[in-house]
Every structure is written in C-alpha cells, then in structure tokens.
mmCIF file of all heavy atoms, coordinates in Angstrom:
data_MODEL
# 
_entry.id   MODEL 
# 
loop_
_atom_site.group_PDB 
_atom_site.id 
_atom_site.type_symbol 
_atom_site.label_atom_id 
_atom_site.label_alt_id 
_atom_site.label_comp_id 
_atom_site.label_asym_id 
_atom_site.label_entity_id 
_atom_site.label_seq_id 
_atom_site.pdbx_PDB_ins_code 
_atom_site.Cartn_x 
_atom_site.Cartn_y 
_atom_site.Cartn_z 
_atom_site.occupancy 
_atom_site.B_iso_or_equiv 
_atom_site.pdbx_formal_charge 
_atom_site.auth_seq_id 
_atom_site.auth_comp_id 
_atom_site.auth_asym_id 
_atom_site.auth_atom_id 
_atom_site.pdbx_PDB_model_num 
ATOM 1   N N   . GLY A 1 1  ? 205.293 54.826 -12.622 1.00 0.00 ? 1  GLY A N   1 
ATOM 2   C CA  . GLY A 1 1  ? 204.110 54.688 -13.443 1.00 0.00 ? 1  GLY A CA  1 
ATOM 3   C C   . GLY A 1 1  ? 204.286 55.287 -14.822 1.00 0.00 ? 1  GLY A C   1 
ATOM 4   O O   . GLY A 1 1  ? 205.327 55.874 -15.158 1.00 0.00 ? 1  GLY A O   1 
ATOM 5   N N   . TYR A 1 2  ? 203.230 55.148 -15.632 1.00 0.00 ? 2  TYR A N   1 
ATOM 6   C CA  . TYR A 1 2  ? 203.190 55.664 -17.001 1.00 0.00 ? 2  TYR A CA  1 
ATOM 7   C C   . TYR A 1 2  ? 201.942 56.505 -17.139 1.00 0.00 ? 2  TYR A C   1 
ATOM 8   O O   . TYR A 1 2  ? 200.833 56.038 -16.829 1.00 0.00 ? 2  TYR A O   1 
ATOM 9   C CB  . TYR A 1 2  ? 203.194 54.518 -18.009 1.00 0.00 ? 2  TYR A CB  1 
ATOM 10  C CG  . TYR A 1 2  ? 203.380 54.965 -19.437 1.00 0.00 ? 2  TYR A CG  1 
ATOM 11  C CD1 . TYR A 1 2  ? 204.652 55.163 -19.956 1.00 0.00 ? 2  TYR A CD1 1 
ATOM 12  C CD2 . TYR A 1 2  ? 202.287 55.208 -20.260 1.00 0.00 ? 2  TYR A CD2 1 
ATOM 13  C CE1 . TYR A 1 2  ? 204.838 55.572 -21.270 1.00 0.00 ? 2  TYR A CE1 1 
ATOM 14  C CE2 . TYR A 1 2  ? 202.455 55.617 -21.567 1.00 0.00 ? 2  TYR A CE2 1 
ATOM 15  C CZ  . TYR A 1 2  ? 203.731 55.803 -22.075 1.00 0.00 ? 2  TYR A CZ  1 
ATOM 16  O OH  . TYR A 1 2  ? 203.912 56.214 -23.370 1.00 0.00 ? 2  TYR A OH  1 
ATOM 17  N N   . ALA A 1 3  ? 202.103 57.738 -17.604 1.00 0.00 ? 3  ALA A N   1 
ATOM 18  C CA  . ALA A 1 3  ? 200.989 58.684 -17.666 1.00 0.00 ? 3  ALA A CA  1 
ATOM 19  C C   . ALA A 1 3  ? 200.370 58.701 -19.056 1.00 0.00 ? 3  ALA A C   1 
ATOM 20  O O   . ALA A 1 3  ? 201.078 58.841 -20.067 1.00 0.00 ? 3  ALA A O   1 
ATOM 21  C CB  . ALA A 1 3  ? 201.469 60.085 -17.294 1.00 0.00 ? 3  ALA A CB  1 
ATOM 22  N N   . PHE A 1 4  ? 199.048 58.559 -19.117 1.00 0.00 ? 4  PHE A N   1 
ATOM 23  C CA  . PHE A 1 4  ? 198.258 58.765 -20.324 1.00 0.00 ? 4  PHE A CA  1 
ATOM 24  C C   . PHE A 1 4  ? 197.448 60.056 -20.102 1.00 0.00 ? 4  PHE A C   1 
ATOM 25  O O   . PHE A 1 4  ? 196.244 60.006 -19.867 1.00 0.00 ? 4  PHE A O   1 
ATOM 26  C CB  . PHE A 1 4  ? 197.318 57.593 -20.574 1.00 0.00 ? 4  PHE A CB  1 
ATOM 27  C CG  . PHE A 1 4  ? 198.014 56.280 -20.775 1.00 0.00 ? 4  PHE A CG  1 
ATOM 28  C CD1 . PHE A 1 4  ? 198.321 55.468 -19.695 1.00 0.00 ? 4  PHE A CD1 1 
ATOM 29  C CD2 . PHE A 1 4  ? 198.372 55.848 -22.039 1.00 0.00 ? 4  PHE A CD2 1 
ATOM 30  C CE1 . PHE A 1 4  ? 198.950 54.244 -19.870 1.00 0.00 ? 4  PHE A CE1 1 
ATOM 31  C CE2 . PHE A 1 4  ? 199.003 54.632 -22.227 1.00 0.00 ? 4  PHE A CE2 1 
ATOM 32  C CZ  . PHE A 1 4  ? 199.294 53.827 -21.140 1.00 0.00 ? 4  PHE A CZ  1 
ATOM 33  N N   . ASP A 1 5  ? 198.148 61.194 -20.129 1.00 0.00 ? 5  ASP A N   1 
ATOM 34  C CA  . ASP A 1 5  ? 197.534 62.486 -19.857 1.00 0.00 ? 5  ASP A CA  1 
ATOM 35  C C   . ASP A 1 5  ? 196.894 62.485 -18.473 1.00 0.00 ? 5  ASP A C   1 
ATOM 36  O O   . ASP A 1 5  ? 197.585 62.535 -17.470 1.00 0.00 ? 5  ASP A O   1 
ATOM 37  C CB  . ASP A 1 5  ? 196.520 62.845 -20.943 1.00 0.00 ? 5  ASP A CB  1 
ATOM 38  C CG  . ASP A 1 5  ? 196.104 64.314 -20.866 1.00 0.00 ? 5  ASP A CG  1 
ATOM 39  O OD1 . ASP A 1 5  ? 196.924 65.130 -20.421 1.00 0.00 ? 5  ASP A OD1 1 
ATOM 40  O OD2 . ASP A 1 5  ? 194.956 64.641 -21.226 1.00 0.00 ? 5  ASP A OD2 1 
ATOM 41  N N   . ARG A 1 6  ? 195.553 62.374 -18.377 1.00 0.00 ? 6  ARG A N   1 
ATOM 42  C CA  . ARG A 1 6  ? 194.875 62.452 -17.086 1.00 0.00 ? 6  ARG A CA  1 
ATOM 43  C C   . ARG A 1 6  ? 194.917 61.144 -16.296 1.00 0.00 ? 6  ARG A C   1 
ATOM 44  O O   . ARG A 1 6  ? 194.540 61.123 -15.123 1.00 0.00 ? 6  ARG A O   1 
ATOM 45  C CB  . ARG A 1 6  ? 193.410 62.865 -17.279 1.00 0.00 ? 6  ARG A CB  1 
ATOM 46  C CG  . ARG A 1 6  ? 193.241 64.302 -17.730 1.00 0.00 ? 6  ARG A CG  1 
ATOM 47  C CD  . ARG A 1 6  ? 191.763 64.658 -17.851 1.00 0.00 ? 6  ARG A CD  1 
ATOM 48  N NE  . ARG A 1 6  ? 191.594 66.062 -18.174 1.00 0.00 ? 6  ARG A NE  1 
ATOM 49  C CZ  . ARG A 1 6  ? 191.547 67.040 -17.289 1.00 0.00 ? 6  ARG A CZ  1 
ATOM 50  N NH1 . ARG A 1 6  ? 191.640 66.758 -16.000 1.00 0.00 ? 6  ARG A NH1 1 
ATOM 51  N NH2 . ARG A 1 6  ? 191.396 68.285 -17.666 1.00 0.00 ? 6  ARG A NH2 1 
ATOM 52  N N   . THR A 1 7  ? 195.337 60.055 -16.906 1.00 0.00 ? 7  THR A N   1 
ATOM 53  C CA  . THR A 1 7  ? 195.365 58.749 -16.241 1.00 0.00 ? 7  THR A CA  1 
ATOM 54  C C   . THR A 1 7  ? 196.801 58.300 -16.011 1.00 0.00 ? 7  THR A C   1 
ATOM 55  O O   . THR A 1 7  ? 197.638 58.377 -16.911 1.00 0.00 ? 7  THR A O   1 
ATOM 56  C CB  . THR A 1 7  ? 194.620 57.699 -17.076 1.00 0.00 ? 7  THR A CB  1 
ATOM 57  O OG1 . THR A 1 7  ? 193.262 58.113 -17.262 1.00 0.00 ? 7  THR A OG1 1 
ATOM 58  C CG2 . THR A 1 7  ? 194.641 56.339 -16.385 1.00 0.00 ? 7  THR A CG2 1 
ATOM 59  N N   . LEU A 1 8  ? 197.076 57.825 -14.805 1.00 0.00 ? 8  LEU A N   1 
ATOM 60  C CA  . LEU A 1 8  ? 198.395 57.311 -14.438 1.00 0.00 ? 8  LEU A CA  1 
ATOM 61  C C   . LEU A 1 8  ? 198.239 55.876 -13.949 1.00 0.00 ? 8  LEU A C   1 
ATOM 62  O O   . LEU A 1 8  ? 197.509 55.610 -12.989 1.00 0.00 ? 8  LEU A O   1 
ATOM 63  C CB  . LEU A 1 8  ? 199.018 58.168 -13.338 1.00 0.00 ? 8  LEU A CB  1 
ATOM 64  C CG  . LEU A 1 8  ? 200.348 57.671 -12.745 1.00 0.00 ? 8  LEU A CG  1 
ATOM 65  C CD1 . LEU A 1 8  ? 201.449 57.771 -13.793 1.00 0.00 ? 8  LEU A CD1 1 
ATOM 66  C CD2 . LEU A 1 8  ? 200.726 58.469 -11.507 1.00 0.00 ? 8  LEU A CD2 1 
ATOM 67  N N   . LEU A 1 9  ? 198.899 54.943 -14.617 1.00 0.00 ? 9  LEU A N   1 
ATOM 68  C CA  . LEU A 1 9  ? 198.955 53.552 -14.168 1.00 0.00 ? 9  LEU A CA  1 
ATOM 69  C C   . LEU A 1 9  ? 200.304 53.328 -13.492 1.00 0.00 ? 9  LEU A C   1 
ATOM 70  O O   . LEU A 1 9  ? 201.342 53.750 -14.022 1.00 0.00 ? 9  LEU A O   1 
ATOM 71  C CB  . LEU A 1 9  ? 198.778 52.597 -15.344 1.00 0.00 ? 9  LEU A CB  1 
ATOM 72  C CG  . LEU A 1 9  ? 197.470 52.734 -16.132 1.00 0.00 ? 9  LEU A CG  1 
ATOM 73  C CD1 . LEU A 1 9  ? 197.422 51.718 -17.261 1.00 0.00 ? 9  LEU A CD1 1 
ATOM 74  C CD2 . LEU A 1 9  ? 196.262 52.583 -15.224 1.00 0.00 ? 9  LEU A CD2 1 
ATOM 75  N N   . PHE A 1 10 ? 200.313 52.658 -12.336 1.00 0.00 ? 10 PHE A N   1 
ATOM 76  C CA  . PHE A 1 10 ? 201.555 52.573 -11.566 1.00 0.00 ? 10 PHE A CA  1 
ATOM 77  C C   . PHE A 1 10 ? 201.684 51.237 -10.837 1.00 0.00 ? 10 PHE A C   1 
ATOM 78  O O   . PHE A 1 10 ? 200.714 50.520 -10.620 1.00 0.00 ? 10 PHE A O   1 
ATOM 79  C CB  . PHE A 1 10 ? 201.619 53.711 -10.534 1.00 0.00 ? 10 PHE A CB  1 
ATOM 80  C CG  . PHE A 1 10 ? 200.568 53.632 -9.459  1.00 0.00 ? 10 PHE A CG  1 
ATOM 81  C CD1 . PHE A 1 10 ? 200.799 52.912 -8.291  1.00 0.00 ? 10 PHE A CD1 1 
ATOM 82  C CD2 . PHE A 1 10 ? 199.340 54.271 -9.606  1.00 0.00 ? 10 PHE A CD2 1 
ATOM 83  C CE1 . PHE A 1 10 ? 199.834 52.826 -7.299  1.00 0.00 ? 10 PHE A CE1 1 
ATOM 84  C CE2 . PHE A 1 10 ? 198.372 54.195 -8.622  1.00 0.00 ? 10 PHE A CE2 1 
ATOM 85  C CZ  . PHE A 1 10 ? 198.620 53.473 -7.468  1.00 0.00 ? 10 PHE A CZ  1 
ATOM 86  N N   . ALA A 1 11 ? 202.926 50.945 -10.458 1.00 0.00 ? 11 ALA A N   1 
ATOM 87  C CA  . ALA A 1 11 ? 203.256 49.837 -9.551  1.00 0.00 ? 11 ALA A CA  1 
ATOM 88  C C   . ALA A 1 11 ? 204.048 50.432 -8.393  1.00 0.00 ? 11 ALA A C   1 
ATOM 89  O O   . ALA A 1 11 ? 204.733 51.449 -8.547  1.00 0.00 ? 11 ALA A O   1 
ATOM 90  C CB  . ALA A 1 11 ? 204.065 48.770 -10.266 1.00 0.00 ? 11 ALA A CB  1 
ATOM 91  N N   . ALA A 1 12 ? 203.944 49.807 -7.222  1.00 0.00 ? 12 ALA A N   1 
ATOM 92  C CA  . ALA A 1 12 ? 204.604 50.344 -6.034  1.00 0.00 ? 12 ALA A CA  1 
ATOM 93  C C   . ALA A 1 12 ? 205.075 49.195 -5.147  1.00 0.00 ? 12 ALA A C   1 
ATOM 94  O O   . ALA A 1 12 ? 204.479 48.107 -5.136  1.00 0.00 ? 12 ALA A O   1 
ATOM 95  C CB  . ALA A 1 12 ? 203.666 51.261 -5.247  1.00 0.00 ? 12 ALA A CB  1 
ATOM 96  N N   . GLY A 1 13 ? 206.133 49.431 -4.392  1.00 0.00 ? 13 GLY A N   1 
ATOM 97  C CA  . GLY A 1 13 ? 206.630 48.404 -3.484  1.00 0.00 ? 13 GLY A CA  1 
ATOM 98  C C   . GLY A 1 13 ? 207.592 48.990 -2.477  1.00 0.00 ? 13 GLY A C   1 
ATOM 99  O O   . GLY A 1 13 ? 208.198 50.045 -2.700  1.00 0.00 ? 13 GLY A O   1 
ATOM 100 N N   . GLY A 1 14 ? 207.727 48.290 -1.335  1.00 0.00 ? 14 GLY A N   1 
ATOM 101 C CA  . GLY A 1 14 ? 208.642 48.764 -0.311  1.00 0.00 ? 14 GLY A CA  1 
ATOM 102 C C   . GLY A 1 14 ? 208.376 48.134 1.040   1.00 0.00 ? 14 GLY A C   1 
ATOM 103 O O   . GLY A 1 14 ? 208.061 46.942 1.150   1.00 0.00 ? 14 GLY A O   1 
ATOM 104 N N   . LEU A 1 15 ? 208.459 48.957 2.071   1.00 0.00 ? 15 LEU A N   1 
ATOM 105 C CA  . LEU A 1 15 ? 208.373 48.507 3.464   1.00 0.00 ? 15 LEU A CA  1 
ATOM 106 C C   . LEU A 1 15 ? 206.925 48.538 3.952   1.00 0.00 ? 15 LEU A C   1 
ATOM 107 O O   . LEU A 1 15 ? 206.180 49.476 3.668   1.00 0.00 ? 15 LEU A O   1 
ATOM 108 C CB  . LEU A 1 15 ? 209.226 49.418 4.331   1.00 0.00 ? 15 LEU A CB  1 
ATOM 109 C CG  . LEU A 1 15 ? 209.250 49.143 5.840   1.00 0.00 ? 15 LEU A CG  1 
ATOM 110 C CD1 . LEU A 1 15 ? 210.009 47.853 6.136   1.00 0.00 ? 15 LEU A CD1 1 
ATOM 111 C CD2 . LEU A 1 15 ? 209.890 50.329 6.577   1.00 0.00 ? 15 LEU A CD2 1 
ATOM 112 N N   . ALA A 1 16 ? 206.544 47.511 4.731   1.00 0.00 ? 16 ALA A N   1 
ATOM 113 C CA  . ALA A 1 16 ? 205.234 47.462 5.398   1.00 0.00 ? 16 ALA A CA  1 
ATOM 114 C C   . ALA A 1 16 ? 205.452 47.241 6.886   1.00 0.00 ? 16 ALA A C   1 
ATOM 115 O O   . ALA A 1 16 ? 206.300 46.430 7.292   1.00 0.00 ? 16 ALA A O   1 
ATOM 116 C CB  . ALA A 1 16 ? 204.373 46.338 4.826   1.00 0.00 ? 16 ALA A CB  1 
ATOM 117 N N   . VAL A 1 17 ? 204.706 47.970 7.700   1.00 0.00 ? 17 VAL A N   1 
ATOM 118 C CA  . VAL A 1 17 ? 204.765 47.849 9.156   1.00 0.00 ? 17 VAL A CA  1 
ATOM 119 C C   . VAL A 1 17 ? 203.329 47.770 9.671   1.00 0.00 ? 17 VAL A C   1 
ATOM 120 O O   . VAL A 1 17 ? 202.447 48.469 9.164   1.00 0.00 ? 17 VAL A O   1 
ATOM 121 C CB  . VAL A 1 17 ? 205.485 49.059 9.794   1.00 0.00 ? 17 VAL A CB  1 
ATOM 122 C CG1 . VAL A 1 17 ? 205.616 48.863 11.303  1.00 0.00 ? 17 VAL A CG1 1 
ATOM 123 C CG2 . VAL A 1 17 ? 206.848 49.275 9.165   1.00 0.00 ? 17 VAL A CG2 1 
ATOM 124 N N   . ALA A 1 18 ? 203.083 46.903 10.677  1.00 0.00 ? 18 ALA A N   1 
ATOM 125 C CA  . ALA A 1 18 ? 201.716 46.739 11.191  1.00 0.00 ? 18 ALA A CA  1 
ATOM 126 C C   . ALA A 1 18 ? 201.726 46.499 12.687  1.00 0.00 ? 18 ALA A C   1 
ATOM 127 O O   . ALA A 1 18 ? 202.643 45.863 13.228  1.00 0.00 ? 18 ALA A O   1 
ATOM 128 C CB  . ALA A 1 18 ? 201.009 45.592 10.483  1.00 0.00 ? 18 ALA A CB  1 
ATOM 129 N N   . GLY A 1 19 ? 200.684 46.993 13.344  1.00 0.00 ? 19 GLY A N   1 
ATOM 130 C CA  . GLY A 1 19 ? 200.445 46.683 14.744  1.00 0.00 ? 19 GLY A CA  1 
ATOM 131 C C   . GLY A 1 19 ? 199.506 45.491 14.833  1.00 0.00 ? 19 GLY A C   1 
ATOM 132 O O   . GLY A 1 19 ? 198.338 45.575 14.430  1.00 0.00 ? 19 GLY A O   1 
ATOM 133 N N   . VAL A 1 20 ? 200.020 44.370 15.329  1.00 0.00 ? 20 VAL A N   1 
ATOM 134 C CA  . VAL A 1 20 ? 199.300 43.095 15.315  1.00 0.00 ? 20 VAL A CA  1 
ATOM 135 C C   . VAL A 1 20 ? 199.068 42.625 16.739  1.00 0.00 ? 20 VAL A C   1 
ATOM 136 O O   . VAL A 1 20 ? 199.944 42.767 17.610  1.00 0.00 ? 20 VAL A O   1 
ATOM 137 C CB  . VAL A 1 20 ? 200.099 42.036 14.518  1.00 0.00 ? 20 VAL A CB  1 
ATOM 138 C CG1 . VAL A 1 20 ? 199.378 40.697 14.520  1.00 0.00 ? 20 VAL A CG1 1 
ATOM 139 C CG2 . VAL A 1 20 ? 200.340 42.516 13.088  1.00 0.00 ? 20 VAL A CG2 1 
ATOM 140 N N   . GLU A 1 21 ? 197.909 42.039 16.984  1.00 0.00 ? 21 GLU A N   1 
ATOM 141 C CA  . GLU A 1 21 ? 197.583 41.508 18.309  1.00 0.00 ? 21 GLU A CA  1 
ATOM 142 C C   . GLU A 1 21 ? 197.038 40.093 18.174  1.00 0.00 ? 21 GLU A C   1 
ATOM 143 O O   . GLU A 1 21 ? 196.161 39.837 17.337  1.00 0.00 ? 21 GLU A O   1 
ATOM 144 C CB  . GLU A 1 21 ? 196.544 42.404 18.988  1.00 0.00 ? 21 GLU A CB  1 
ATOM 145 C CG  . GLU A 1 21 ? 196.246 42.016 20.424  1.00 0.00 ? 21 GLU A CG  1 
ATOM 146 C CD  . GLU A 1 21 ? 195.272 42.981 21.076  1.00 0.00 ? 21 GLU A CD  1 
ATOM 147 O OE1 . GLU A 1 21 ? 194.486 43.635 20.354  1.00 0.00 ? 21 GLU A OE1 1 
ATOM 148 O OE2 . GLU A 1 21 ? 195.293 43.073 22.315  1.00 0.00 ? 21 GLU A OE2 1 
ATOM 149 N N   . SER A 1 22 ? 197.572 39.178 18.984  1.00 0.00 ? 22 SER A N   1 
ATOM 150 C CA  . SER A 1 22 ? 197.086 37.797 19.034  1.00 0.00 ? 22 SER A CA  1 
ATOM 151 C C   . SER A 1 22 ? 196.664 37.473 20.462  1.00 0.00 ? 22 SER A C   1 
ATOM 152 O O   . SER A 1 22 ? 197.329 37.884 21.418  1.00 0.00 ? 22 SER A O   1 
ATOM 153 C CB  . SER A 1 22 ? 198.178 36.815 18.589  1.00 0.00 ? 22 SER A CB  1 
ATOM 154 O OG  . SER A 1 22 ? 198.572 37.058 17.253  1.00 0.00 ? 22 SER A OG  1 
ATOM 155 N N   . LYS A 1 23 ? 195.564 36.735 20.598  1.00 0.00 ? 23 LYS A N   1 
ATOM 156 C CA  . LYS A 1 23 ? 195.077 36.348 21.919  1.00 0.00 ? 23 LYS A CA  1 
ATOM 157 C C   . LYS A 1 23 ? 194.674 34.880 21.923  1.00 0.00 ? 23 LYS A C   1 
ATOM 158 O O   . LYS A 1 23 ? 194.264 34.323 20.900  1.00 0.00 ? 23 LYS A O   1 
ATOM 159 C CB  . LYS A 1 23 ? 193.871 37.202 22.326  1.00 0.00 ? 23 LYS A CB  1 
ATOM 160 C CG  . LYS A 1 23 ? 194.204 38.653 22.625  1.00 0.00 ? 23 LYS A CG  1 
ATOM 161 C CD  . LYS A 1 23 ? 192.970 39.410 23.113  1.00 0.00 ? 23 LYS A CD  1 
ATOM 162 C CE  . LYS A 1 23 ? 193.301 40.852 23.463  1.00 0.00 ? 23 LYS A CE  1 
ATOM 163 N NZ  . LYS A 1 23 ? 192.107 41.584 23.963  1.00 0.00 ? 23 LYS A NZ  1 
ATOM 164 N N   . ALA A 1 24 ? 194.818 34.275 23.106  1.00 0.00 ? 24 ALA A N   1 
ATOM 165 C CA  . ALA A 1 24 ? 194.338 32.915 23.347  1.00 0.00 ? 24 ALA A CA  1 
ATOM 166 C C   . ALA A 1 24 ? 193.472 32.945 24.607  1.00 0.00 ? 24 ALA A C   1 
ATOM 167 O O   . ALA A 1 24 ? 193.875 33.523 25.621  1.00 0.00 ? 24 ALA A O   1 
ATOM 168 C CB  . ALA A 1 24 ? 195.505 31.952 23.518  1.00 0.00 ? 24 ALA A CB  1 
ATOM 169 N N   . PHE A 1 25 ? 192.271 32.344 24.532  1.00 0.00 ? 25 PHE A N   1 
ATOM 170 C CA  . PHE A 1 25 ? 191.309 32.379 25.634  1.00 0.00 ? 25 PHE A CA  1 
ATOM 171 C C   . PHE A 1 25 ? 191.085 30.969 26.179  1.00 0.00 ? 25 PHE A C   1 
ATOM 172 O O   . PHE A 1 25 ? 190.891 30.024 25.403  1.00 0.00 ? 25 PHE A O   1 
ATOM 173 C CB  . PHE A 1 25 ? 189.951 32.920 25.159  1.00 0.00 ? 25 PHE A CB  1 
ATOM 174 C CG  . PHE A 1 25 ? 189.996 34.314 24.597  1.00 0.00 ? 25 PHE A CG  1 
ATOM 175 C CD1 . PHE A 1 25 ? 190.296 34.533 23.258  1.00 0.00 ? 25 PHE A CD1 1 
ATOM 176 C CD2 . PHE A 1 25 ? 189.723 35.408 25.406  1.00 0.00 ? 25 PHE A CD2 1 
ATOM 177 C CE1 . PHE A 1 25 ? 190.314 35.804 22.735  1.00 0.00 ? 25 PHE A CE1 1 
ATOM 178 C CE2 . PHE A 1 25 ? 189.742 36.694 24.885  1.00 0.00 ? 25 PHE A CE2 1 
ATOM 179 C CZ  . PHE A 1 25 ? 190.039 36.895 23.555  1.00 0.00 ? 25 PHE A CZ  1 
# 
C-alpha cells in the first residue's frame, strides 16, 4: 500500500481456502 499519513490505500492477494457444502434433495 501507499500511506498518506493517517490513511493507507492498499491492494492484497494470495491464497483462499473455504469450507463448502453442497446438497441434493
């Protein structure tokens, strides 16, 4: 990011992990 004193603007990226559930009725 880039800091403007008290304000920080940023970009972020990387790994994502999720617990997912699918059902059929």
